[in-house]
């Protein structure tokens, strides 16, 4: 007679699936419903991102997930729509000339790197306000006014950045909205120099400063 093998916890999970899955909040969307909204490989990073968001924009996120450096969702842990919202707010705040609006988008501690490469972590919002004109000088404001999701690059587990790292947007939780966490004047000067060199190589034809 064949002996009956005892069920291991893993085997029990397969037999009694509902008993191995924790109950979810009635108001939260079930994982199966998240999967139903996505296409492609179930391991897609977007699935994990969406599972941490109450409001989602699946079509926009899929269409805009890939930028220079890879997929936004895989590199940053949030979606393209969240970056787009933060970028739009920063851009409009910079255009308005309203310091308070811009300060609302700054995360703490803010890492500020000056033109000489000196690094300063500013942990107090009042201190950011005190040196606002140094950090957000006309050249940096011009960069903020021209921010666009299509011009963003990403670095794995670091965030999204513009102009060789002059501006960094970083997410503090999966699926969340990024905030302005680094302003690097040294990187901006390098980006400006690169743009000038490109213009010279193009026989003086102006090169768009992205």
Protein backbone atom coordinates (compact mmCIF):
# COMPACT_ATOMS: atom_id res chain seq x y z
CA UNK A 1 0.00 0.00 0.00
CA UNK A 2 1.34 3.46 -0.95
CA UNK A 3 2.09 5.61 2.04
CA UNK A 4 0.35 8.94 2.22
CA UNK A 5 2.86 11.77 2.40
CA UNK A 6 2.18 14.56 4.88
CA UNK A 7 1.36 17.94 3.36
CA UNK A 8 4.04 20.57 3.83
CA UNK A 9 3.02 24.19 4.53
CA UNK A 10 3.86 25.06 0.92
CA UNK A 11 1.69 22.20 -0.38
CA UNK A 12 -1.09 23.25 1.95
CA UNK A 13 -0.90 26.72 0.45
CA UNK A 14 -1.48 25.24 -2.97
CA UNK A 15 -4.44 23.15 -1.77
CA UNK A 16 -6.00 25.80 0.42
CA UNK A 17 -5.03 28.92 -1.50
CA UNK A 18 -7.54 31.18 0.14
CA UNK A 19 -6.26 30.25 3.56
CA UNK A 20 -2.71 31.31 2.65
CA UNK A 21 -3.56 34.70 1.25
CA UNK A 22 -4.15 37.45 3.80
CA UNK A 23 -7.50 39.20 3.60
CA UNK A 24 -7.31 42.61 1.98
CA UNK A 25 -9.07 45.77 2.87
CA UNK A 26 -12.51 45.87 1.30
CA UNK A 27 -11.79 49.31 -0.12
CA UNK A 28 -8.48 48.28 -1.70
CA UNK A 29 -8.33 46.91 -5.20
CA UNK A 30 -7.60 43.18 -5.32
CA UNK A 31 -4.35 41.98 -6.97
CA UNK A 32 -6.39 40.16 -9.63
CA UNK A 33 -8.03 43.45 -10.55
CA UNK A 34 -4.62 45.12 -10.82
CA UNK A 35 -3.46 42.31 -13.10
CA UNK A 36 -6.54 42.69 -15.24
CA UNK A 37 -5.61 46.30 -15.98
CA UNK A 38 -2.10 45.46 -17.14
CA UNK A 39 -0.74 43.76 -20.21
CA UNK A 40 2.43 41.83 -20.87
CA UNK A 41 4.61 39.96 -18.39
CA UNK A 42 2.97 39.66 -14.93
CA UNK A 43 6.36 40.53 -13.42
CA UNK A 44 6.12 43.97 -15.00
CA UNK A 45 7.30 46.60 -12.53
CA UNK A 46 4.16 48.58 -13.22
CA UNK A 47 2.06 45.93 -11.50
CA UNK A 48 3.90 46.46 -8.23
CA UNK A 49 3.67 50.23 -8.63
CA UNK A 50 -0.07 50.12 -9.28
CA UNK A 51 -0.62 47.83 -6.29
CA UNK A 52 0.61 50.71 -4.11
CA UNK A 53 -1.60 53.35 -5.69
CA UNK A 54 -5.26 54.08 -5.03
CA UNK A 55 -5.59 56.09 -8.23
CA UNK A 56 -3.91 54.83 -11.39
CA UNK A 57 -3.43 55.90 -14.98
CA UNK A 58 -2.52 52.56 -16.65
CA UNK A 59 -2.60 53.76 -20.25
CA UNK A 60 -0.45 56.83 -19.61
CA UNK A 61 1.98 54.86 -17.43
CA UNK A 62 2.50 52.16 -20.07
CA UNK A 63 2.90 54.68 -22.89
CA UNK A 64 5.46 56.81 -21.02
CA UNK A 65 7.30 54.26 -18.87
CA UNK A 66 10.51 54.18 -20.89
CA UNK A 67 12.94 57.11 -20.83
CA UNK A 68 16.70 57.46 -21.04
CA UNK A 69 18.13 54.94 -18.59
CA UNK A 70 15.27 52.44 -18.63
CA UNK A 71 11.76 52.01 -17.29
CA UNK A 72 10.59 54.64 -14.83
CA UNK A 73 8.61 52.06 -12.86
CA UNK A 74 11.55 49.68 -12.43
CA UNK A 75 14.15 52.35 -11.67
CA UNK A 76 12.16 54.54 -9.30
CA UNK A 77 9.34 52.46 -7.85
CA UNK A 78 6.62 54.79 -9.08
CA UNK A 79 4.80 55.60 -12.29
CA UNK A 80 5.27 58.00 -15.17
CA UNK A 81 2.01 59.75 -14.26
CA UNK A 82 3.34 60.56 -10.79
CA UNK A 83 6.51 62.04 -12.26
CA UNK A 84 4.50 63.95 -14.83
CA UNK A 85 2.34 65.50 -12.12
CA UNK A 86 5.38 66.57 -10.09
CA UNK A 87 7.17 67.90 -13.17
CA UNK A 88 4.14 69.92 -14.29
CA UNK A 89 3.77 71.45 -10.84
CA UNK A 90 7.46 72.36 -10.66
CA UNK A 91 7.39 73.85 -14.14
CA UNK A 92 4.35 76.00 -13.44
CA UNK A 93 5.71 77.09 -10.05
CA UNK A 94 8.96 78.21 -11.68
CA UNK A 95 7.07 80.12 -14.36
CA UNK A 96 4.89 81.85 -11.78
CA UNK A 97 7.85 83.34 -9.90
CA UNK A 98 6.12 82.38 -6.66
CA UNK A 99 8.74 81.15 -4.18
CA UNK A 100 6.17 79.59 -1.88
CA UNK A 101 4.78 77.42 -4.68
CA UNK A 102 8.24 76.20 -5.59
CA UNK A 103 9.21 75.54 -1.98
CA UNK A 104 6.17 73.28 -1.60
CA UNK A 105 7.72 70.87 -4.12
CA UNK A 106 11.10 70.71 -2.36
CA UNK A 107 11.76 67.62 -0.26
CA UNK A 108 13.86 67.54 2.88
CA UNK A 109 16.70 67.16 3.38
CA UNK A 110 17.51 69.01 0.16
CA UNK A 111 20.98 68.27 -1.20
CA UNK A 112 22.47 71.41 -2.72
CA UNK A 113 25.76 71.23 -4.64
CA UNK A 114 27.20 74.60 -5.60
CA UNK A 115 29.27 75.48 -8.65
CA UNK A 116 32.49 74.46 -6.87
CA UNK A 117 31.15 71.04 -5.93
CA UNK A 118 30.58 71.84 -2.27
CA UNK A 119 27.74 69.73 -0.87
CA UNK A 120 25.22 70.91 1.67
CA UNK A 121 22.27 68.98 3.08
CA UNK A 122 19.58 71.43 4.14
CA UNK A 123 17.14 69.91 6.58
CA UNK A 124 15.10 72.95 7.51
CA UNK A 125 12.62 74.57 5.10
CA UNK A 126 13.32 78.00 6.52
CA UNK A 127 17.00 77.54 5.68
CA UNK A 128 16.07 76.60 2.12
CA UNK A 129 14.04 79.77 1.93
CA UNK A 130 16.93 81.82 3.31
CA UNK A 131 19.28 80.69 0.50
CA UNK A 132 16.54 80.39 -2.14
CA UNK A 133 18.09 82.90 -4.54
CA UNK A 134 21.43 81.12 -4.43
CA UNK A 135 19.95 77.70 -5.10
CA UNK A 136 17.34 78.78 -7.61
CA UNK A 137 19.24 81.38 -9.59
CA UNK A 138 17.97 82.46 -13.05
CA UNK A 139 19.75 79.60 -14.84
CA UNK A 140 18.24 76.98 -12.53
CA UNK A 141 14.81 78.58 -12.76
CA UNK A 142 15.10 78.40 -16.56
CA UNK A 143 15.80 74.66 -16.30
CA UNK A 144 12.75 74.17 -14.10
CA UNK A 145 10.59 76.14 -16.52
CA UNK A 146 11.57 73.75 -19.31
CA UNK A 147 11.11 70.46 -17.46
CA UNK A 148 9.32 67.76 -19.43
CA UNK A 149 8.86 64.05 -18.77
CA UNK A 150 10.24 63.18 -22.22
CA UNK A 151 13.57 64.81 -21.29
CA UNK A 152 14.01 62.93 -18.03
CA UNK A 153 16.58 60.19 -17.42
CA UNK A 154 16.47 57.62 -14.62
CA UNK A 155 19.06 55.86 -12.48
CA UNK A 156 18.20 52.59 -10.76
CA UNK A 157 17.10 53.10 -7.13
CA UNK A 158 18.11 56.77 -7.27
CA UNK A 159 15.40 58.68 -9.10
CA UNK A 160 14.77 60.77 -12.16
CA UNK A 161 17.09 63.55 -13.25
CA UNK A 162 17.58 66.34 -15.78
CA UNK A 163 20.57 68.13 -17.30
CA UNK A 164 23.31 65.68 -16.27
CA UNK A 165 21.93 65.61 -12.73
CA UNK A 166 21.30 69.31 -12.16
CA UNK A 167 17.81 68.41 -10.91
CA UNK A 168 16.89 65.15 -9.17
CA UNK A 169 13.36 64.03 -8.37
CA UNK A 170 13.19 61.23 -5.81
CA UNK A 171 10.37 59.05 -4.48
CA UNK A 172 10.18 58.25 -0.77
CA UNK A 173 7.64 55.40 -1.03
CA UNK A 174 6.56 52.87 -3.65
CA UNK A 175 3.95 54.32 -5.96
CA UNK A 176 4.34 57.80 -4.46
CA UNK A 177 4.86 61.21 -5.96
CA UNK A 178 8.48 62.35 -6.38
CA UNK A 179 9.84 65.52 -4.87
CA UNK A 180 12.74 67.78 -5.72
CA UNK A 181 15.58 66.41 -3.57
CA UNK A 182 18.81 67.55 -5.25
CA UNK A 183 19.85 70.79 -6.95
CA UNK A 184 23.32 70.54 -8.47
CA UNK A 185 24.71 73.79 -9.88
CA UNK A 186 28.01 72.15 -10.81
CA UNK A 187 26.16 69.63 -13.01
CA UNK A 188 24.16 72.43 -14.61
CA UNK A 189 27.36 74.29 -15.53
CA UNK A 190 28.67 71.09 -17.11
CA UNK A 191 25.44 70.67 -19.06
CA UNK A 192 25.65 74.26 -20.30
CA UNK A 193 29.27 73.75 -21.35
CA UNK A 194 28.32 70.56 -23.20
CA UNK A 195 25.56 72.44 -25.02
CA UNK A 196 28.02 75.16 -26.05
CA UNK A 197 30.49 72.55 -27.32
CA UNK A 198 27.75 70.92 -29.38
CA UNK A 199 26.84 74.29 -30.85
CA UNK A 200 30.48 74.87 -31.85
CA UNK A 201 30.65 71.44 -33.52
CA UNK A 202 27.51 72.33 -35.44
CA UNK A 203 29.21 75.41 -36.92
CA UNK A 204 27.50 77.83 -34.62
CA UNK A 205 23.98 76.54 -35.18
CA UNK A 206 22.02 76.79 -31.93
CA UNK A 207 21.44 73.54 -30.10
CA UNK A 208 18.24 73.20 -28.06
CA UNK A 209 19.07 73.11 -24.35
CA UNK A 210 16.96 70.20 -23.10
